């Protein structure tokens, strides 16, 4: 499975919020944001904090795609 956080980055742009603002408001580390920037895995606790601050649902910040079988 592949995780994409493109929806999160778009949401931050729409809300005129920077990644460092998200870190401060959600109480998450910059390392977690960097990991998401590389489409890495983060804990559900981090995702919950982000969704709470942005007042959105998990599907509004990430998208999961099955790995391609080529």
Foldseek 3Di string as FASTA:
>chain_A
DFKAQPLQVVLCVVVVHDPVNLCVQLVHDVVVVVCNVVRHDDDVSSLVSSCVSSVHDSVSGMDDDDDDDD
